[in-house]
Amino acid sequence: MAGMDVPETVSEAVALLERDGYTAEFVLTDGVARCGVCHHEHSVGELIIERVYRFEGDSDPADEAIVIGVRCAECGSRGVVVSAFGPDADPELVHLVRQPRPRMED
């Protein structure tokens, strides 16, 4: 995985986040993300987004994906959300990801 600070694939982005402590499971369903540690259900707008990696398919818009490093506002655990980005994306998630965010310190 050359250039780990700038991942070239979804799997490299997930591995980079996991290496940096984003290990909790978050499941995103119908605009709700459930923390695998405390089981709190967050609306997409409640997630604390710390890192975002977006990938575009070479020729097929259906290949667009986004990998997001999130933190649970309830228990502080950090994890990864992977979602489609583009025509198949959750509109709430896309809106949230496109909002300006302050830079997070590790």
PDB file of N, CA and C in Angstrom:
ATOM      1  N   MET A   1       0.830  -1.176   0.000  1.00  0.00           N
ATOM      2  CA  MET A   1       0.000   0.000   0.000  1.00  0.00           C
ATOM      3  C   MET A   1       0.879   1.247   0.000  1.00  0.00           C
ATOM      4  N   ALA A   2       1.452   1.529  -1.117  1.00  0.00           N
ATOM      5  CA  ALA A   2       2.307   2.696  -1.236  1.00  0.00           C
ATOM      6  C   ALA A   2       1.480   3.961  -1.036  1.00  0.00           C
ATOM      7  N   GLY A   3       2.085   4.972  -0.421  1.00  0.00           N
ATOM      8  CA  GLY A   3       1.391   6.228  -0.225  1.00  0.00           C
ATOM      9  C   GLY A   3       0.187   6.111   0.681  1.00  0.00           C
ATOM     10  N   MET A   4       0.355   5.431   1.819  1.00  0.00           N
ATOM     11  CA  MET A   4      -0.786   5.179   2.710  1.00  0.00           C
ATOM     12  C   MET A   4      -1.495   6.442   3.165  1.00  0.00           C
ATOM     13  N   ASP A   5      -0.824   7.601   3.153  1.00  0.00           N
ATOM     14  CA  ASP A   5      -1.496   8.817   3.577  1.00  0.00           C
ATOM     15  C   ASP A   5      -2.497   9.298   2.532  1.00  0.00           C
ATOM     16  N   VAL A   6      -2.365   8.833   1.305  1.00  0.00           N
ATOM     17  CA  VAL A   6      -3.309   9.148   0.243  1.00  0.00           C
ATOM     18  C   VAL A   6      -3.710   7.820  -0.400  1.00  0.00           C
ATOM     19  N   PRO A   7      -4.720   7.168   0.180  1.00  0.00           N
ATOM     20  CA  PRO A   7      -5.108   5.853  -0.340  1.00  0.00           C
ATOM     21  C   PRO A   7      -5.663   5.948  -1.753  1.00  0.00           C
ATOM     22  N   GLU A   8      -5.371   4.910  -2.540  1.00  0.00           N
ATOM     23  CA  GLU A   8      -5.825   4.877  -3.921  1.00  0.00           C
ATOM     24  C   GLU A   8      -7.063   4.011  -4.113  1.00  0.00           C
ATOM     25  N   THR A   9      -7.395   3.202  -3.122  1.00  0.00           N
ATOM     26  CA  THR A   9      -8.552   2.322  -3.225  1.00  0.00           C
ATOM     27  C   THR A   9      -9.367   2.389  -1.933  1.00  0.00           C
ATOM     28  N   VAL A  10     -10.598   1.902  -2.015  1.00  0.00           N
ATOM     29  CA  VAL A  10     -11.465   1.842  -0.840  1.00  0.00           C
ATOM     30  C   VAL A  10     -10.814   0.983   0.234  1.00  0.00           C
ATOM     31  N   SER A  11     -10.276  -0.161  -0.135  1.00  0.00           N
ATOM     32  CA  SER A  11      -9.679  -1.050   0.863  1.00  0.00           C
ATOM     33  C   SER A  11      -8.461  -0.412   1.520  1.00  0.00           C
ATOM     34  N   GLU A  12      -7.660   0.364   0.782  1.00  0.00           N
ATOM     35  CA  GLU A  12      -6.527   1.068   1.376  1.00  0.00           C
ATOM     36  C   GLU A  12      -7.011   2.137   2.356  1.00  0.00           C
ATOM     37  N   ALA A  13      -8.100   2.830   2.023  1.00  0.00           N
ATOM     38  CA  ALA A  13      -8.648   3.856   2.921  1.00  0.00           C
ATOM     39  C   ALA A  13      -9.143   3.225   4.215  1.00  0.00           C
ATOM     40  N   VAL A  14      -9.835   2.100   4.107  1.00  0.00           N
ATOM     41  CA  VAL A  14     -10.325   1.403   5.299  1.00  0.00           C
ATOM     42  C   VAL A  14      -9.146   0.946   6.150  1.00  0.00           C
ATOM     43  N   ALA A  15      -8.120   0.382   5.517  1.00  0.00           N
ATOM     44  CA  ALA A  15      -6.939  -0.086   6.253  1.00  0.00           C
ATOM     45  C   ALA A  15      -6.234   1.084   6.952  1.00  0.00           C
ATOM     46  N   LEU A  16      -6.123   2.222   6.294  1.00  0.00           N
ATOM     47  CA  LEU A  16      -5.489   3.397   6.889  1.00  0.00           C
ATOM     48  C   LEU A  16      -6.268   3.859   8.121  1.00  0.00           C
ATOM     49  N   LEU A  17      -7.585   3.931   8.003  1.00  0.00           N
ATOM     50  CA  LEU A  17      -8.410   4.354   9.136  1.00  0.00           C
ATOM     51  C   LEU A  17      -8.314   3.342  10.282  1.00  0.00           C
ATOM     52  N   GLU A  18      -8.370   2.064   9.971  1.00  0.00           N
ATOM     53  CA  GLU A  18      -8.257   1.046  11.017  1.00  0.00           C
ATOM     54  C   GLU A  18      -6.911   1.143  11.723  1.00  0.00           C
ATOM     55  N   ARG A  19      -5.859   1.374  10.965  1.00  0.00           N
ATOM     56  CA  ARG A  19      -4.520   1.537  11.552  1.00  0.00           C
ATOM     57  C   ARG A  19      -4.491   2.721  12.516  1.00  0.00           C
ATOM     58  N   ASP A  20      -5.281   3.741  12.219  1.00  0.00           N
ATOM     59  CA  ASP A  20      -5.326   4.950  13.041  1.00  0.00           C
ATOM     60  C   ASP A  20      -6.389   4.890  14.136  1.00  0.00           C
ATOM     61  N   GLY A  21      -6.940   3.696  14.389  1.00  0.00           N
ATOM     62  CA  GLY A  21      -7.838   3.515  15.524  1.00  0.00           C
ATOM     63  C   GLY A  21      -9.318   3.570  15.224  1.00  0.00           C
ATOM     64  N   TYR A  22      -9.697   3.616  13.972  1.00  0.00           N
ATOM     65  CA  TYR A  22     -11.107   3.609  13.589  1.00  0.00           C
ATOM     66  C   TYR A  22     -11.553   2.157  13.438  1.00  0.00           C
ATOM     67  N   THR A  23     -11.835   1.513  14.567  1.00  0.00           N
ATOM     68  CA  THR A  23     -12.083   0.081  14.551  1.00  0.00           C
ATOM     69  C   THR A  23     -13.511  -0.317  14.898  1.00  0.00           C
ATOM     70  N   ALA A  24     -14.320   0.601  15.416  1.00  0.00           N
ATOM     71  CA  ALA A  24     -15.696   0.262  15.770  1.00  0.00           C
ATOM     72  C   ALA A  24     -16.518   0.085  14.503  1.00  0.00           C
ATOM     73  N   GLU A  25     -17.483  -0.785  14.578  1.00  0.00           N
ATOM     74  CA  GLU A  25     -18.365  -1.013  13.432  1.00  0.00           C
ATOM     75  C   GLU A  25     -19.529  -0.029  13.494  1.00  0.00           C
ATOM     76  N   PHE A  26     -19.764   0.661  12.394  1.00  0.00           N
ATOM     77  CA  PHE A  26     -20.931   1.529  12.241  1.00  0.00           C
ATOM     78  C   PHE A  26     -21.712   1.010  11.046  1.00  0.00           C
ATOM     79  N   VAL A  27     -23.001   0.799  11.238  1.00  0.00           N
ATOM     80  CA  VAL A  27     -23.848   0.313  10.158  1.00  0.00           C
ATOM     81  C   VAL A  27     -24.794   1.438   9.770  1.00  0.00           C
ATOM     82  N   LEU A  28     -24.771   1.807   8.489  1.00  0.00           N
ATOM     83  CA  LEU A  28     -25.606   2.885   7.971  1.00  0.00           C
ATOM     84  C   LEU A  28     -26.791   2.289   7.229  1.00  0.00           C
ATOM     85  N   THR A  29     -28.008   2.591   7.707  1.00  0.00           N
ATOM     86  CA  THR A  29     -29.223   2.095   7.069  1.00  0.00           C
ATOM     87  C   THR A  29     -30.283   3.188   7.098  1.00  0.00           C
ATOM     88  N   ASP A  30     -30.780   3.550   5.933  1.00  0.00           N
ATOM     89  CA  ASP A  30     -31.866   4.533   5.815  1.00  0.00           C
ATOM     90  C   ASP A  30     -31.593   5.812   6.609  1.00  0.00           C
ATOM     91  N   GLY A  31     -30.398   6.368   6.470  1.00  0.00           N
ATOM     92  CA  GLY A  31     -30.075   7.620   7.123  1.00  0.00           C
ATOM     93  C   GLY A  31     -29.788   7.526   8.602  1.00  0.00           C
ATOM     94  N   VAL A  32     -29.664   6.303   9.127  1.00  0.00           N
ATOM     95  CA  VAL A  32     -29.362   6.098  10.545  1.00  0.00           C
ATOM     96  C   VAL A  32     -28.091   5.263  10.643  1.00  0.00           C
ATOM     97  N   ALA A  33     -27.162   5.722  11.487  1.00  0.00           N
ATOM     98  CA  ALA A  33     -25.912   4.986  11.714  1.00  0.00           C
ATOM     99  C   ALA A  33     -25.931   4.453  13.136  1.00  0.00           C
ATOM    100  N   ARG A  34     -25.722   3.162  13.265  1.00  0.00           N
ATOM    101  CA  ARG A  34     -25.720   2.526  14.584  1.00  0.00           C
ATOM    102  C   ARG A  34     -24.282   2.213  14.989  1.00  0.00           C
ATOM    103  N   CYS A  35     -23.898   2.677  16.175  1.00  0.00           N
ATOM    104  CA  CYS A  35     -22.565   2.418  16.714  1.00  0.00           C
ATOM    105  C   CYS A  35     -22.503   0.986  17.215  1.00  0.00           C
ATOM    106  N   GLY A  36     -21.494   0.254  16.797  1.00  0.00           N
ATOM    107  CA  GLY A  36     -21.339  -1.126  17.220  1.00  0.00           C
ATOM    108  C   GLY A  36     -20.838  -1.281  18.643  1.00  0.00           C
ATOM    109  N   VAL A  37     -20.393  -0.197  19.275  1.00  0.00           N
ATOM    110  CA  VAL A  37     -19.884  -0.270  20.643  1.00  0.00           C
ATOM    111  C   VAL A  37     -21.001  -0.001  21.643  1.00  0.00           C
ATOM    112  N   CYS A  38     -21.652   1.163  21.542  1.00  0.00           N
ATOM    113  CA  CYS A  38     -22.685   1.521  22.522  1.00  0.00           C
ATOM    114  C   CYS A  38     -24.100   1.295  21.988  1.00  0.00           C
ATOM    115  N   HIS A  39     -24.204   0.948  20.707  1.00  0.00           N
ATOM    116  CA  HIS A  39     -25.470   0.653  20.035  1.00  0.00           C
ATOM    117  C   HIS A  39     -26.382   1.870  19.899  1.00  0.00           C
ATOM    118  N   HIS A  40     -25.819   3.068  20.111  1.00  0.00           N
ATOM    119  CA  HIS A  40     -26.606   4.282  19.934  1.00  0.00           C
ATOM    120  C   HIS A  40     -26.898   4.466  18.451  1.00  0.00           C
ATOM    121  N   GLU A  41     -28.106   4.859  18.132  1.00  0.00           N
ATOM    122  CA  GLU A  41     -28.477   5.129  16.749  1.00  0.00           C
ATOM    123  C   GLU A  41     -28.428   6.628  16.511  1.00  0.00           C
ATOM    124  N   HIS A  42     -27.603   7.021  15.553  1.00  0.00           N
ATOM    125  CA  HIS A  42     -27.407   8.421  15.204  1.00  0.00           C
ATOM    126  C   HIS A  42     -28.121   8.720  13.895  1.00  0.00           C
ATOM    127  N   SER A  43     -28.746   9.883  13.794  1.00  0.00           N
ATOM    128  CA  SER A  43     -29.117  10.340  12.461  1.00  0.00           C
ATOM    129  C   SER A  43     -27.794  10.670  11.778  1.00  0.00           C
ATOM    130  N   VAL A  44     -27.784  10.696  10.464  1.00  0.00           N
ATOM    131  CA  VAL A  44     -26.542  10.972   9.752  1.00  0.00           C
ATOM    132  C   VAL A  44     -25.956  12.307  10.216  1.00  0.00           C
ATOM    133  N   GLY A  45     -26.794  13.292  10.504  1.00  0.00           N
ATOM    134  CA  GLY A  45     -26.324  14.597  10.927  1.00  0.00           C
ATOM    135  C   GLY A  45     -25.663  14.617  12.295  1.00  0.00           C
ATOM    136  N   GLU A  46     -25.864  13.589  13.105  1.00  0.00           N
ATOM    137  CA  GLU A  46     -25.262  13.518  14.434  1.00  0.00           C
ATOM    138  C   GLU A  46     -23.864  12.915  14.428  1.00  0.00           C
ATOM    139  N   LEU A  47     -23.506  12.220  13.352  1.00  0.00           N
ATOM    140  CA  LEU A  47     -22.173  11.624  13.295  1.00  0.00           C
ATOM    141  C   LEU A  47     -21.111  12.709  13.269  1.00  0.00           C
ATOM    142  N   ILE A  48     -20.024  12.463  13.944  1.00  0.00           N
ATOM    143  CA  ILE A  48     -18.893  13.378  13.904  1.00  0.00           C
ATOM    144  C   ILE A  48     -17.937  12.849  12.839  1.00  0.00           C
ATOM    145  N   ILE A  49     -17.837  13.572  11.752  1.00  0.00           N
ATOM    146  CA  ILE A  49     -17.002  13.140  10.635  1.00  0.00           C
ATOM    147  C   ILE A  49     -15.608  13.720  10.828  1.00  0.00           C
ATOM    148  N   GLU A  50     -14.624  12.834  10.874  1.00  0.00           N
ATOM    149  CA  GLU A  50     -13.245  13.255  11.084  1.00  0.00           C
ATOM    150  C   GLU A  50     -12.399  13.154   9.821  1.00  0.00           C
ATOM    151  N   ARG A  51     -12.677  12.182   8.972  1.00  0.00           N
ATOM    152  CA  ARG A  51     -11.907  12.010   7.725  1.00  0.00           C
ATOM    153  C   ARG A  51     -12.841  11.539   6.613  1.00  0.00           C
ATOM    154  N   VAL A  52     -12.517  11.960   5.392  1.00  0.00           N
ATOM    155  CA  VAL A  52     -13.324  11.574   4.236  1.00  0.00           C
ATOM    156  C   VAL A  52     -12.393  11.239   3.070  1.00  0.00           C
ATOM    157  N   TYR A  53     -12.635  10.104   2.444  1.00  0.00           N
ATOM    158  CA  TYR A  53     -11.926   9.700   1.229  1.00  0.00           C
ATOM    159  C   TYR A  53     -12.970   9.361   0.173  1.00  0.00           C
ATOM    160  N   ARG A  54     -12.898  10.008  -0.959  1.00  0.00           N
ATOM    161  CA  ARG A  54     -13.868   9.779  -2.035  1.00  0.00           C
ATOM    162  C   ARG A  54     -13.152   9.140  -3.224  1.00  0.00           C
ATOM    163  N   PHE A  55     -13.825   8.156  -3.808  1.00  0.00           N
ATOM    164  CA  PHE A  55     -13.256   7.431  -4.948  1.00  0.00           C
ATOM    165  C   PHE A  55     -14.239   7.459  -6.107  1.00  0.00           C
ATOM    166  N   GLU A  56     -13.728   7.771  -7.294  1.00  0.00           N
ATOM    167  CA  GLU A  56     -14.558   7.815  -8.487  1.00  0.00           C
ATOM    168  C   GLU A  56     -14.206   6.647  -9.386  1.00  0.00           C
ATOM    169  N   GLY A  57     -15.245   6.024  -9.945  1.00  0.00           N
ATOM    170  CA  GLY A  57     -15.015   4.940 -10.892  1.00  0.00           C
ATOM    171  C   GLY A  57     -14.434   5.497 -12.179  1.00  0.00           C
ATOM    172  N   ASP A  58     -13.580   4.721 -12.841  1.00  0.00           N
ATOM    173  CA  ASP A  58     -12.948   5.184 -14.071  1.00  0.00           C
ATOM    174  C   ASP A  58     -13.952   5.447 -15.179  1.00  0.00           C
ATOM    175  N   SER A  59     -14.950   4.581 -15.305  1.00  0.00           N
ATOM    176  CA  SER A  59     -15.889   4.742 -16.410  1.00  0.00           C
ATOM    177  C   SER A  59     -17.346   4.599 -16.000  1.00  0.00           C
ATOM    178  N   ASP A  60     -17.614   4.127 -14.806  1.00  0.00           N
ATOM    179  CA  ASP A  60     -18.986   3.858 -14.376  1.00  0.00           C
ATOM    180  C   ASP A  60     -19.306   4.645 -13.113  1.00  0.00           C
ATOM    181  N   PRO A  61     -20.265   5.602 -13.188  1.00  0.00           N
ATOM    182  CA  PRO A  61     -20.625   6.363 -11.990  1.00  0.00           C
ATOM    183  C   PRO A  61     -21.098   5.484 -10.838  1.00  0.00           C
ATOM    184  N   ALA A  62     -21.552   4.280 -11.119  1.00  0.00           N
ATOM    185  CA  ALA A  62     -21.996   3.366 -10.063  1.00  0.00           C
ATOM    186  C   ALA A  62     -20.821   2.876  -9.219  1.00  0.00           C
ATOM    187  N   ASP A  63     -19.592   3.080  -9.708  1.00  0.00           N
ATOM    188  CA  ASP A  63     -18.403   2.658  -8.969  1.00  0.00           C
ATOM    189  C   ASP A  63     -17.925   3.702  -7.968  1.00  0.00           C
ATOM    190  N   GLU A  64     -18.614   4.839  -7.871  1.00  0.00           N
ATOM    191  CA  GLU A  64     -18.196   5.875  -6.943  1.00  0.00           C
ATOM    192  C   GLU A  64     -18.481   5.432  -5.515  1.00  0.00           C
ATOM    193  N   ALA A  65     -17.522   5.696  -4.629  1.00  0.00           N
ATOM    194  CA  ALA A  65     -17.679   5.300  -3.222  1.00  0.00           C
ATOM    195  C   ALA A  65     -17.041   6.357  -2.331  1.00  0.00           C
ATOM    196  N   ILE A  66     -17.465   6.341  -1.079  1.00  0.00           N
ATOM    197  CA  ILE A  66     -16.902   7.254  -0.093  1.00  0.00           C
ATOM    198  C   ILE A  66     -16.608   6.459   1.171  1.00  0.00           C
ATOM    199  N   VAL A  67     -15.447   6.718   1.760  1.00  0.00           N
ATOM    200  CA  VAL A  67     -15.031   6.083   3.007  1.00  0.00           C
ATOM    201  C   VAL A  67     -14.897   7.206   4.032  1.00  0.00           C
ATOM    202  N   ILE A  68     -15.596   7.063   5.159  1.00  0.00           N
ATOM    203  CA  ILE A  68     -15.674   8.136   6.131  1.00  0.00           C
ATOM    204  C   ILE A  68     -15.203   7.627   7.495  1.00  0.00           C
ATOM    205  N   GLY A  69     -14.279   8.340   8.093  1.00  0.00           N
ATOM    206  CA  GLY A  69     -13.862   8.070   9.473  1.00  0.00           C
ATOM    207  C   GLY A  69     -14.768   8.869  10.390  1.00  0.00           C
ATOM    208  N   VAL A  70     -15.552   8.176  11.218  1.00  0.00           N
ATOM    209  CA  VAL A  70     -16.536   8.838  12.076  1.00  0.00           C
ATOM    210  C   VAL A  70     -16.255   8.556  13.537  1.00  0.00           C
ATOM    211  N   ARG A  71     -16.799   9.429  14.383  1.00  0.00           N
ATOM    212  CA  ARG A  71     -16.723   9.241  15.834  1.00  0.00           C
ATOM    213  C   ARG A  71     -18.131   9.299  16.395  1.00  0.00           C
ATOM    214  N   CYS A  72     -18.425   8.410  17.314  1.00  0.00           N
ATOM    215  CA  CYS A  72     -19.723   8.346  17.979  1.00  0.00           C
ATOM    216  C   CYS A  72     -19.801   9.489  18.989  1.00  0.00           C
ATOM    217  N   ALA A  73     -20.817  10.328  18.858  1.00  0.00           N
ATOM    218  CA  ALA A  73     -20.996  11.443  19.786  1.00  0.00           C
ATOM    219  C   ALA A  73     -21.403  10.955  21.169  1.00  0.00           C
ATOM    220  N   GLU A  74     -21.913   9.750  21.258  1.00  0.00           N
ATOM    221  CA  GLU A  74     -22.386   9.204  22.532  1.00  0.00           C
ATOM    222  C   GLU A  74     -21.244   8.610  23.361  1.00  0.00           C
ATOM    223  N   CYS A  75     -20.434   7.721  22.757  1.00  0.00           N
ATOM    224  CA  CYS A  75     -19.403   7.025  23.534  1.00  0.00           C
ATOM    225  C   CYS A  75     -17.976   7.356  23.097  1.00  0.00           C
ATOM    226  N   GLY A  76     -17.811   8.076  21.986  1.00  0.00           N
ATOM    227  CA  GLY A  76     -16.483   8.471  21.530  1.00  0.00           C
ATOM    228  C   GLY A  76     -15.743   7.448  20.696  1.00  0.00           C
ATOM    229  N   SER A  77     -16.332   6.273  20.483  1.00  0.00           N
ATOM    230  CA  SER A  77     -15.647   5.268  19.672  1.00  0.00           C
ATOM    231  C   SER A  77     -15.561   5.763  18.230  1.00  0.00           C
ATOM    232  N   ARG A  78     -14.517   5.293  17.538  1.00  0.00           N
ATOM    233  CA  ARG A  78     -14.296   5.714  16.155  1.00  0.00           C
ATOM    234  C   ARG A  78     -14.406   4.506  15.242  1.00  0.00           C
ATOM    235  N   GLY A  79     -14.978   4.736  14.079  1.00  0.00           N
ATOM    236  CA  GLY A  79     -15.151   3.655  13.128  1.00  0.00           C
ATOM    237  C   GLY A  79     -15.233   4.169  11.709  1.00  0.00           C
ATOM    238  N   VAL A  80     -15.596   3.280  10.810  1.00  0.00           N
ATOM    239  CA  VAL A  80     -15.604   3.556   9.384  1.00  0.00           C
ATOM    240  C   VAL A  80     -17.011   3.332   8.828  1.00  0.00           C
ATOM    241  N   VAL A  81     -17.434   4.251   7.970  1.00  0.00           N
ATOM    242  CA  VAL A  81     -18.660   4.069   7.203  1.00  0.00           C
ATOM    243  C   VAL A  81     -18.256   4.089   5.736  1.00  0.00           C
ATOM    244  N   VAL A  82     -18.669   3.082   4.993  1.00  0.00           N
ATOM    245  CA  VAL A  82     -18.417   3.027   3.556  1.00  0.00           C
ATOM    246  C   VAL A  82     -19.773   3.093   2.870  1.00  0.00           C
ATOM    247  N   SER A  83     -19.880   3.969   1.882  1.00  0.00           N
ATOM    248  CA  SER A  83     -21.159   4.157   1.209  1.00  0.00           C
ATOM    249  C   SER A  83     -20.936   4.447  -0.265  1.00  0.00           C
ATOM    250  N   ALA A  84     -21.986   4.233  -1.030  1.00  0.00           N
ATOM    251  CA  ALA A  84     -21.970   4.665  -2.424  1.00  0.00           C
ATOM    252  C   ALA A  84     -21.901   6.184  -2.442  1.00  0.00           C
ATOM    253  N   PHE A  85     -21.333   6.730  -3.502  1.00  0.00           N
ATOM    254  CA  PHE A  85     -21.293   8.174  -3.676  1.00  0.00           C
ATOM    255  C   PHE A  85     -21.616   8.431  -5.133  1.00  0.00           C
ATOM    256  N   GLY A  86     -22.565   9.262  -5.395  1.00  0.00           N
ATOM    257  CA  GLY A  86     -23.019   9.484  -6.756  1.00  0.00           C
ATOM    258  C   GLY A  86     -24.491   9.171  -6.823  1.00  0.00           C
ATOM    259  N   PRO A  87     -24.948   8.587  -7.929  1.00  0.00           N
ATOM    260  CA  PRO A  87     -26.382   8.350  -8.114  1.00  0.00           C
ATOM    261  C   PRO A  87     -27.012   7.445  -7.049  1.00  0.00           C
ATOM    262  N   ASP A  88     -26.235   6.531  -6.467  1.00  0.00           N
ATOM    263  CA  ASP A  88     -26.783   5.582  -5.493  1.00  0.00           C
ATOM    264  C   ASP A  88     -26.565   6.014  -4.045  1.00  0.00           C
ATOM    265  N   ALA A  89     -26.048   7.218  -3.834  1.00  0.00           N
ATOM    266  CA  ALA A  89     -25.704   7.664  -2.488  1.00  0.00           C
ATOM    267  C   ALA A  89     -26.927   8.051  -1.678  1.00  0.00           C
ATOM    268  N   ASP A  90     -26.784   7.930  -0.356  1.00  0.00           N
ATOM    269  CA  ASP A  90     -27.787   8.422   0.579  1.00  0.00           C
ATOM    270  C   ASP A  90     -27.715   9.949   0.547  1.00  0.00           C
ATOM    271  N   PRO A  91     -28.787  10.647   0.146  1.00  0.00           N
ATOM    272  CA  PRO A  91     -28.725  12.108   0.009  1.00  0.00           C
ATOM    273  C   PRO A  91     -28.338  12.834   1.298  1.00  0.00           C
ATOM    274  N   GLU A  92     -28.783  12.337   2.449  1.00  0.00           N
ATOM    275  CA  GLU A  92     -28.422  12.964   3.721  1.00  0.00           C
ATOM    276  C   GLU A  92     -26.929  12.860   3.973  1.00  0.00           C
ATOM    277  N   LEU A  93     -26.356  11.701   3.665  1.00  0.00           N
ATOM    278  CA  LEU A  93     -24.930  11.497   3.873  1.00  0.00           C
ATOM    279  C   LEU A  93     -24.120  12.401   2.950  1.00  0.00           C
ATOM    280  N   VAL A  94     -24.520  12.492   1.694  1.00  0.00           N
ATOM    281  CA  VAL A  94     -23.817  13.348   0.738  1.00  0.00           C
ATOM    282  C   VAL A  94     -23.858  14.798   1.205  1.00  0.00           C
ATOM    283  N   HIS A  95     -25.014  15.251   1.646  1.00  0.00           N
ATOM    284  CA  HIS A  95     -25.147  16.625   2.129  1.00  0.00           C
ATOM    285  C   HIS A  95     -24.217  16.868   3.321  1.00  0.00           C
ATOM    286  N   LEU A  96     -24.190  15.934   4.249  1.00  0.00           N
ATOM    287  CA  LEU A  96     -23.354  16.077   5.436  1.00  0.00           C
ATOM    288  C   LEU A  96     -21.875  16.110   5.065  1.00  0.00           C
ATOM    289  N   VAL A  97     -21.459  15.241   4.177  1.00  0.00           N
ATOM    290  CA  VAL A  97     -20.056  15.145   3.796  1.00  0.00           C
ATOM    291  C   VAL A  97     -19.609  16.412   3.063  1.00  0.00           C
ATOM    292  N   ARG A  98     -20.510  17.027   2.331  1.00  0.00           N
ATOM    293  CA  ARG A  98     -20.149  18.231   1.570  1.00  0.00           C
ATOM    294  C   ARG A  98     -20.098  19.491   2.426  1.00  0.00           C
ATOM    295  N   GLN A  99     -20.567  19.438   3.657  1.00  0.00           N
ATOM    296  CA  GLN A  99     -20.535  20.606   4.545  1.00  0.00           C
ATOM    297  C   GLN A  99     -19.105  20.875   4.984  1.00  0.00           C
ATOM    298  N   PRO A 100     -18.730  22.152   5.061  1.00  0.00           N
ATOM    299  CA  PRO A 100     -17.388  22.457   5.571  1.00  0.00           C
ATOM    300  C   PRO A 100     -17.254  22.006   7.021  1.00  0.00           C
ATOM    301  N   ARG A 101     -16.086  21.471   7.356  1.00  0.00           N
ATOM    302  CA  ARG A 101     -15.830  20.991   8.714  1.00  0.00           C
ATOM    303  C   ARG A 101     -14.536  21.604   9.221  1.00  0.00           C
ATOM    304  N   PRO A 102     -14.484  21.882  10.506  1.00  0.00           N
ATOM    305  CA  PRO A 102     -13.194  22.330  11.063  1.00  0.00           C
ATOM    306  C   PRO A 102     -12.200  21.187  10.998  1.00  0.00           C
ATOM    307  N   ARG A 103     -10.938  21.503  10.881  1.00  0.00           N
ATOM    308  CA  ARG A 103      -9.903  20.465  10.869  1.00  0.00           C
ATOM    309  C   ARG A 103      -9.826  19.811  12.224  1.00  0.00           C
ATOM    310  N   MET A 104      -9.788  18.490  12.232  1.00  0.00           N
ATOM    311  CA  MET A 104      -9.730  17.731  13.481  1.00  0.00           C
ATOM    312  C   MET A 104      -8.274  17.445  13.815  1.00  0.00           C
ATOM    313  N   GLU A 105      -7.949  17.535  15.070  1.00  0.00           N
ATOM    314  CA  GLU A 105      -6.606  17.177  15.523  1.00  0.00           C
ATOM    315  C   GLU A 105      -6.634  15.730  16.002  1.00  0.00           C
ATOM    316  N   ASP A 106      -5.633  14.946  15.664  1.00  0.00           N
ATOM    317  CA  ASP A 106      -5.554  13.545  16.109  1.00  0.00           C
ATOM    318  C   ASP A 106      -5.060  13.483  17.518  1.00  0.00           C
TER     319      ASP A 106
END
